[in-house]
């Protein structure tokens, strides 16, 4: 299971987030990593759903997306 980290420490895993990096009422910019482990929901659908939910429930604007494919 991947663990997302920055220079300070852990940020999140696919099953939990860190208190230090959680959304608050003061949050203005976010980076959301979607781990695509299987075909249950195609990545483009997961990205579109995430954008819709951010817009609906967090009044998000100026949403951009990028797919990063790791070099193996």
PDB file of N, CA and C in Angstrom:
ATOM      1  N   UNK A   1       0.843  -1.163   0.000  1.00  0.00           N
ATOM      2  CA  UNK A   1       0.000   0.000   0.000  1.00  0.00           C
ATOM      3  C   UNK A   1       0.900   1.242   0.000  1.00  0.00           C
ATOM      4  N   UNK A   2       0.640   2.188  -0.898  1.00  0.00           N
ATOM      5  CA  UNK A   2       1.469   3.394  -0.932  1.00  0.00           C
ATOM      6  C   UNK A   2       1.227   4.282   0.286  1.00  0.00           C
ATOM      7  N   UNK A   3       2.270   4.946   0.709  1.00  0.00           N
ATOM      8  CA  UNK A   3       2.182   5.957   1.760  1.00  0.00           C
ATOM      9  C   UNK A   3       2.708   7.250   1.157  1.00  0.00           C
ATOM     10  N   UNK A   4       1.871   8.260   1.088  1.00  0.00           N
ATOM     11  CA  UNK A   4       2.274   9.548   0.541  1.00  0.00           C
ATOM     12  C   UNK A   4       2.957  10.331   1.642  1.00  0.00           C
ATOM     13  N   UNK A   5       4.154  10.895   1.343  1.00  0.00           N
ATOM     14  CA  UNK A   5       4.955  11.616   2.330  1.00  0.00           C
ATOM     15  C   UNK A   5       5.470  12.915   1.732  1.00  0.00           C
ATOM     16  N   UNK A   6       5.780  13.862   2.605  1.00  0.00           N
ATOM     17  CA  UNK A   6       6.500  15.062   2.194  1.00  0.00           C
ATOM     18  C   UNK A   6       7.733  15.176   3.086  1.00  0.00           C
ATOM     19  N   UNK A   7       8.399  16.306   3.068  1.00  0.00           N
ATOM     20  CA  UNK A   7       9.640  16.471   3.824  1.00  0.00           C
ATOM     21  C   UNK A   7       9.423  16.382   5.336  1.00  0.00           C
ATOM     22  N   UNK A   8       8.209  16.633   5.792  1.00  0.00           N
ATOM     23  CA  UNK A   8       7.918  16.602   7.228  1.00  0.00           C
ATOM     24  C   UNK A   8       7.532  15.209   7.701  1.00  0.00           C
ATOM     25  N   UNK A   9       6.842  14.453   6.865  1.00  0.00           N
ATOM     26  CA  UNK A   9       6.391  13.125   7.261  1.00  0.00           C
ATOM     27  C   UNK A   9       5.226  12.660   6.421  1.00  0.00           C
ATOM     28  N   UNK A  10       4.451  11.738   6.984  1.00  0.00           N
ATOM     29  CA  UNK A  10       3.327  11.150   6.274  1.00  0.00           C
ATOM     30  C   UNK A  10       2.239  12.156   5.954  1.00  0.00           C
ATOM     31  N   UNK A  11       1.634  11.990   4.787  1.00  0.00           N
ATOM     32  CA  UNK A  11       0.504  12.826   4.371  1.00  0.00           C
ATOM     33  C   UNK A  11      -0.771  11.984   4.367  1.00  0.00           C
ATOM     34  N   UNK A  12      -0.684  10.791   3.769  1.00  0.00           N
ATOM     35  CA  UNK A  12      -1.878   9.954   3.674  1.00  0.00           C
ATOM     36  C   UNK A  12      -1.519   8.583   3.124  1.00  0.00           C
ATOM     37  N   UNK A  13      -2.470   7.678   3.269  1.00  0.00           N
ATOM     38  CA  UNK A  13      -2.432   6.369   2.622  1.00  0.00           C
ATOM     39  C   UNK A  13      -3.787   6.222   1.926  1.00  0.00           C
ATOM     40  N   UNK A  14      -3.990   5.184   1.139  1.00  0.00           N
ATOM     41  CA  UNK A  14      -5.304   5.009   0.508  1.00  0.00           C
ATOM     42  C   UNK A  14      -6.454   4.839   1.503  1.00  0.00           C
ATOM     43  N   UNK A  15      -6.147   4.544   2.765  1.00  0.00           N
ATOM     44  CA  UNK A  15      -7.215   4.303   3.738  1.00  0.00           C
ATOM     45  C   UNK A  15      -7.275   5.311   4.872  1.00  0.00           C
ATOM     46  N   UNK A  16      -6.332   6.247   4.949  1.00  0.00           N
ATOM     47  CA  UNK A  16      -6.367   7.223   6.041  1.00  0.00           C
ATOM     48  C   UNK A  16      -5.614   8.493   5.648  1.00  0.00           C
ATOM     49  N   UNK A  17      -5.965   9.574   6.311  1.00  0.00           N
ATOM     50  CA  UNK A  17      -5.309  10.860   6.104  1.00  0.00           C
ATOM     51  C   UNK A  17      -4.625  11.273   7.410  1.00  0.00           C
ATOM     52  N   UNK A  18      -3.727  12.212   7.314  1.00  0.00           N
ATOM     53  CA  UNK A  18      -3.042  12.748   8.477  1.00  0.00           C
ATOM     54  C   UNK A  18      -3.739  14.019   8.942  1.00  0.00           C
ATOM     55  N   UNK A  19      -3.827  14.221  10.228  1.00  0.00           N
ATOM     56  CA  UNK A  19      -4.453  15.413  10.788  1.00  0.00           C
ATOM     57  C   UNK A  19      -3.798  16.689  10.247  1.00  0.00           C
ATOM     58  N   UNK A  20      -2.493  16.662  10.091  1.00  0.00           N
ATOM     59  CA  UNK A  20      -1.733  17.831   9.629  1.00  0.00           C
ATOM     60  C   UNK A  20      -2.148  18.287   8.232  1.00  0.00           C
ATOM     61  N   UNK A  21      -2.652  17.386   7.399  1.00  0.00           N
ATOM     62  CA  UNK A  21      -2.975  17.734   6.016  1.00  0.00           C
ATOM     63  C   UNK A  21      -4.467  17.651   5.697  1.00  0.00           C
ATOM     64  N   UNK A  22      -5.302  17.648   6.716  1.00  0.00           N
ATOM     65  CA  UNK A  22      -6.751  17.541   6.466  1.00  0.00           C
ATOM     66  C   UNK A  22      -7.324  18.868   5.956  1.00  0.00           C
ATOM     67  N   UNK A  23      -8.481  18.779   5.330  1.00  0.00           N
ATOM     68  CA  UNK A  23      -9.189  19.974   4.866  1.00  0.00           C
ATOM     69  C   UNK A  23      -9.753  20.705   6.087  1.00  0.00           C
ATOM     70  N   UNK A  24      -9.687  22.041   6.071  1.00  0.00           N
ATOM     71  CA  UNK A  24     -10.321  22.860   7.100  1.00  0.00           C
ATOM     72  C   UNK A  24     -11.047  24.000   6.391  1.00  0.00           C
ATOM     73  N   UNK A  25     -11.707  24.845   7.156  1.00  0.00           N
ATOM     74  CA  UNK A  25     -12.374  25.999   6.564  1.00  0.00           C
ATOM     75  C   UNK A  25     -11.369  26.986   5.974  1.00  0.00           C
ATOM     76  N   UNK A  26     -10.112  26.884   6.361  1.00  0.00           N
ATOM     77  CA  UNK A  26      -9.060  27.758   5.837  1.00  0.00           C
ATOM     78  C   UNK A  26      -8.351  27.177   4.613  1.00  0.00           C
ATOM     79  N   UNK A  27      -8.726  25.991   4.180  1.00  0.00           N
ATOM     80  CA  UNK A  27      -8.082  25.346   3.034  1.00  0.00           C
ATOM     81  C   UNK A  27      -8.459  26.083   1.745  1.00  0.00           C
ATOM     82  N   UNK A  28      -7.421  26.444   0.967  1.00  0.00           N
ATOM     83  CA  UNK A  28      -7.660  27.139  -0.304  1.00  0.00           C
ATOM     84  C   UNK A  28      -7.121  26.374  -1.505  1.00  0.00           C
ATOM     85  N   UNK A  29      -6.145  25.515  -1.280  1.00  0.00           N
ATOM     86  CA  UNK A  29      -5.571  24.717  -2.375  1.00  0.00           C
ATOM     87  C   UNK A  29      -5.393  23.292  -1.871  1.00  0.00           C
ATOM     88  N   UNK A  30      -5.646  22.327  -2.759  1.00  0.00           N
ATOM     89  CA  UNK A  30      -5.487  20.920  -2.376  1.00  0.00           C
ATOM     90  C   UNK A  30      -4.840  20.126  -3.503  1.00  0.00           C
ATOM     91  N   UNK A  31      -4.192  19.074  -3.122  1.00  0.00           N
ATOM     92  CA  UNK A  31      -3.688  18.062  -4.049  1.00  0.00           C
ATOM     93  C   UNK A  31      -4.353  16.765  -3.636  1.00  0.00           C
ATOM     94  N   UNK A  32      -5.089  16.171  -4.545  1.00  0.00           N
ATOM     95  CA  UNK A  32      -5.769  14.912  -4.254  1.00  0.00           C
ATOM     96  C   UNK A  32      -5.158  13.840  -5.137  1.00  0.00           C
ATOM     97  N   UNK A  33      -4.680  12.781  -4.505  1.00  0.00           N
ATOM     98  CA  UNK A  33      -4.104  11.648  -5.240  1.00  0.00           C
ATOM     99  C   UNK A  33      -5.127  10.527  -5.246  1.00  0.00           C
ATOM    100  N   UNK A  34      -5.497  10.063  -6.422  1.00  0.00           N
ATOM    101  CA  UNK A  34      -6.431   8.954  -6.562  1.00  0.00           C
ATOM    102  C   UNK A  34      -5.616   7.736  -6.988  1.00  0.00           C
ATOM    103  N   UNK A  35      -5.595   6.731  -6.147  1.00  0.00           N
ATOM    104  CA  UNK A  35      -4.877   5.496  -6.454  1.00  0.00           C
ATOM    105  C   UNK A  35      -5.794   4.599  -7.279  1.00  0.00           C
ATOM    106  N   UNK A  36      -5.393   4.285  -8.483  1.00  0.00           N
ATOM    107  CA  UNK A  36      -6.194   3.444  -9.374  1.00  0.00           C
ATOM    108  C   UNK A  36      -5.648   2.018  -9.318  1.00  0.00           C
ATOM    109  N   UNK A  37      -6.198   1.224  -8.412  1.00  0.00           N
ATOM    110  CA  UNK A  37      -5.706  -0.138  -8.213  1.00  0.00           C
ATOM    111  C   UNK A  37      -6.388  -1.173  -9.090  1.00  0.00           C
ATOM    112  N   UNK A  38      -7.583  -0.862  -9.562  1.00  0.00           N
ATOM    113  CA  UNK A  38      -8.299  -1.868 -10.332  1.00  0.00           C
ATOM    114  C   UNK A  38      -9.379  -1.243 -11.188  1.00  0.00           C
ATOM    115  N   UNK A  39     -10.110  -2.084 -11.902  1.00  0.00           N
ATOM    116  CA  UNK A  39     -11.090  -1.598 -12.880  1.00  0.00           C
ATOM    117  C   UNK A  39     -12.461  -1.252 -12.295  1.00  0.00           C
ATOM    118  N   UNK A  40     -12.625  -1.289 -10.963  1.00  0.00           N
ATOM    119  CA  UNK A  40     -13.953  -1.056 -10.384  1.00  0.00           C
ATOM    120  C   UNK A  40     -14.550   0.264 -10.854  1.00  0.00           C
ATOM    121  N   UNK A  41     -13.738   1.322 -10.882  1.00  0.00           N
ATOM    122  CA  UNK A  41     -14.174   2.609 -11.417  1.00  0.00           C
ATOM    123  C   UNK A  41     -13.017   3.141 -12.256  1.00  0.00           C
ATOM    124  N   UNK A  42     -13.223   3.292 -13.538  1.00  0.00           N
ATOM    125  CA  UNK A  42     -12.142   3.821 -14.384  1.00  0.00           C
ATOM    126  C   UNK A  42     -11.639   5.165 -13.846  1.00  0.00           C
ATOM    127  N   UNK A  43     -10.358   5.414 -14.024  1.00  0.00           N
ATOM    128  CA  UNK A  43      -9.728   6.609 -13.466  1.00  0.00           C
ATOM    129  C   UNK A  43     -10.406   7.893 -13.929  1.00  0.00           C
ATOM    130  N   UNK A  44     -10.787   7.984 -15.192  1.00  0.00           N
ATOM    131  CA  UNK A  44     -11.434   9.212 -15.664  1.00  0.00           C
ATOM    132  C   UNK A  44     -12.760   9.450 -14.947  1.00  0.00           C
ATOM    133  N   UNK A  45     -13.496   8.379 -14.646  1.00  0.00           N
ATOM    134  CA  UNK A  45     -14.752   8.507 -13.905  1.00  0.00           C
ATOM    135  C   UNK A  45     -14.495   8.931 -12.460  1.00  0.00           C
ATOM    136  N   UNK A  46     -13.462   8.372 -11.847  1.00  0.00           N
ATOM    137  CA  UNK A  46     -13.115   8.739 -10.468  1.00  0.00           C
ATOM    138  C   UNK A  46     -12.706  10.204 -10.388  1.00  0.00           C
ATOM    139  N   UNK A  47     -11.955  10.663 -11.376  1.00  0.00           N
ATOM    140  CA  UNK A  47     -11.531  12.063 -11.400  1.00  0.00           C
ATOM    141  C   UNK A  47     -12.730  12.990 -11.592  1.00  0.00           C
ATOM    142  N   UNK A  48     -13.634  12.638 -12.485  1.00  0.00           N
ATOM    143  CA  UNK A  48     -14.826  13.454 -12.730  1.00  0.00           C
ATOM    144  C   UNK A  48     -15.714  13.503 -11.490  1.00  0.00           C
ATOM    145  N   UNK A  49     -15.892  12.367 -10.825  1.00  0.00           N
ATOM    146  CA  UNK A  49     -16.699  12.320  -9.606  1.00  0.00           C
ATOM    147  C   UNK A  49     -16.066  13.186  -8.524  1.00  0.00           C
ATOM    148  N   UNK A  50     -14.771  13.093  -8.365  1.00  0.00           N
ATOM    149  CA  UNK A  50     -14.074  13.907  -7.365  1.00  0.00           C
ATOM    150  C   UNK A  50     -14.283  15.387  -7.636  1.00  0.00           C
ATOM    151  N   UNK A  51     -14.140  15.801  -8.886  1.00  0.00           N
ATOM    152  CA  UNK A  51     -14.344  17.207  -9.239  1.00  0.00           C
ATOM    153  C   UNK A  51     -15.779  17.644  -8.958  1.00  0.00           C
ATOM    154  N   UNK A  52     -16.757  16.796  -9.294  1.00  0.00           N
ATOM    155  CA  UNK A  52     -18.167  17.136  -9.031  1.00  0.00           C
ATOM    156  C   UNK A  52     -18.426  17.303  -7.533  1.00  0.00           C
ATOM    157  N   UNK A  53     -17.893  16.384  -6.722  1.00  0.00           N
ATOM    158  CA  UNK A  53     -18.115  16.454  -5.280  1.00  0.00           C
ATOM    159  C   UNK A  53     -17.426  17.663  -4.658  1.00  0.00           C
ATOM    160  N   UNK A  54     -16.220  17.980  -5.128  1.00  0.00           N
ATOM    161  CA  UNK A  54     -15.529  19.172  -4.624  1.00  0.00           C
ATOM    162  C   UNK A  54     -16.294  20.438  -4.978  1.00  0.00           C
ATOM    163  N   UNK A  55     -16.840  20.479  -6.177  1.00  0.00           N
ATOM    164  CA  UNK A  55     -17.620  21.638  -6.595  1.00  0.00           C
ATOM    165  C   UNK A  55     -18.898  21.745  -5.767  1.00  0.00           C
ATOM    166  N   UNK A  56     -19.594  20.629  -5.612  1.00  0.00           N
ATOM    167  CA  UNK A  56     -20.884  20.628  -4.904  1.00  0.00           C
ATOM    168  C   UNK A  56     -20.746  20.909  -3.415  1.00  0.00           C
ATOM    169  N   UNK A  57     -19.805  20.228  -2.749  1.00  0.00           N
ATOM    170  CA  UNK A  57     -19.744  20.297  -1.288  1.00  0.00           C
ATOM    171  C   UNK A  57     -18.674  21.237  -0.733  1.00  0.00           C
ATOM    172  N   UNK A  58     -17.721  21.647  -1.564  1.00  0.00           N
ATOM    173  CA  UNK A  58     -16.656  22.526  -1.074  1.00  0.00           C
ATOM    174  C   UNK A  58     -16.557  23.815  -1.887  1.00  0.00           C
ATOM    175  N   UNK A  59     -17.531  24.044  -2.765  1.00  0.00           N
ATOM    176  CA  UNK A  59     -17.527  25.243  -3.616  1.00  0.00           C
ATOM    177  C   UNK A  59     -16.204  25.417  -4.360  1.00  0.00           C
ATOM    178  N   UNK A  60     -15.611  24.311  -4.770  1.00  0.00           N
ATOM    179  CA  UNK A  60     -14.320  24.347  -5.462  1.00  0.00           C
ATOM    180  C   UNK A  60     -14.450  25.013  -6.819  1.00  0.00           C
ATOM    181  N   UNK A  61     -13.401  25.718  -7.207  1.00  0.00           N
ATOM    182  CA  UNK A  61     -13.322  26.347  -8.512  1.00  0.00           C
ATOM    183  C   UNK A  61     -11.919  26.112  -9.057  1.00  0.00           C
ATOM    184  N   UNK A  62     -11.736  26.378 -10.328  1.00  0.00           N
ATOM    185  CA  UNK A  62     -10.418  26.282 -10.960  1.00  0.00           C
ATOM    186  C   UNK A  62      -9.783  24.907 -10.735  1.00  0.00           C
ATOM    187  N   UNK A  63     -10.542  23.859 -11.005  1.00  0.00           N
ATOM    188  CA  UNK A  63     -10.070  22.484 -10.809  1.00  0.00           C
ATOM    189  C   UNK A  63      -9.296  22.039 -12.044  1.00  0.00           C
ATOM    190  N   UNK A  64      -8.107  21.508 -11.824  1.00  0.00           N
ATOM    191  CA  UNK A  64      -7.338  20.932 -12.931  1.00  0.00           C
ATOM    192  C   UNK A  64      -6.923  19.519 -12.537  1.00  0.00           C
ATOM    193  N   UNK A  65      -6.763  18.681 -13.538  1.00  0.00           N
ATOM    194  CA  UNK A  65      -6.401  17.285 -13.285  1.00  0.00           C
ATOM    195  C   UNK A  65      -5.219  16.876 -14.133  1.00  0.00           C
ATOM    196  N   UNK A  66      -4.465  15.932 -13.618  1.00  0.00           N
ATOM    197  CA  UNK A  66      -3.313  15.373 -14.325  1.00  0.00           C
ATOM    198  C   UNK A  66      -3.205  13.902 -13.954  1.00  0.00           C
ATOM    199  N   UNK A  67      -2.934  13.072 -14.933  1.00  0.00           N
ATOM    200  CA  UNK A  67      -2.655  11.662 -14.660  1.00  0.00           C
ATOM    201  C   UNK A  67      -1.150  11.469 -14.730  1.00  0.00           C
ATOM    202  N   UNK A  68      -0.600  10.917 -13.663  1.00  0.00           N
ATOM    203  CA  UNK A  68       0.829  10.625 -13.601  1.00  0.00           C
ATOM    204  C   UNK A  68       1.000   9.115 -13.643  1.00  0.00           C
ATOM    205  N   UNK A  69       1.717   8.644 -14.616  1.00  0.00           N
ATOM    206  CA  UNK A  69       1.977   7.209 -14.750  1.00  0.00           C
ATOM    207  C   UNK A  69       3.427   6.969 -14.335  1.00  0.00           C
ATOM    208  N   UNK A  70       3.630   6.177 -13.283  1.00  0.00           N
ATOM    209  CA  UNK A  70       4.996   5.968 -12.786  1.00  0.00           C
ATOM    210  C   UNK A  70       5.830   5.162 -13.770  1.00  0.00           C
ATOM    211  N   UNK A  71       7.113   5.439 -13.775  1.00  0.00           N
ATOM    212  CA  UNK A  71       8.053   4.638 -14.555  1.00  0.00           C
ATOM    213  C   UNK A  71       8.394   3.396 -13.749  1.00  0.00           C
ATOM    214  N   UNK A  72       8.213   2.249 -14.335  1.00  0.00           N
ATOM    215  CA  UNK A  72       8.518   1.006 -13.604  1.00  0.00           C
ATOM    216  C   UNK A  72       9.882   0.509 -13.967  1.00  0.00           C
TER     217      UNK A  72
END
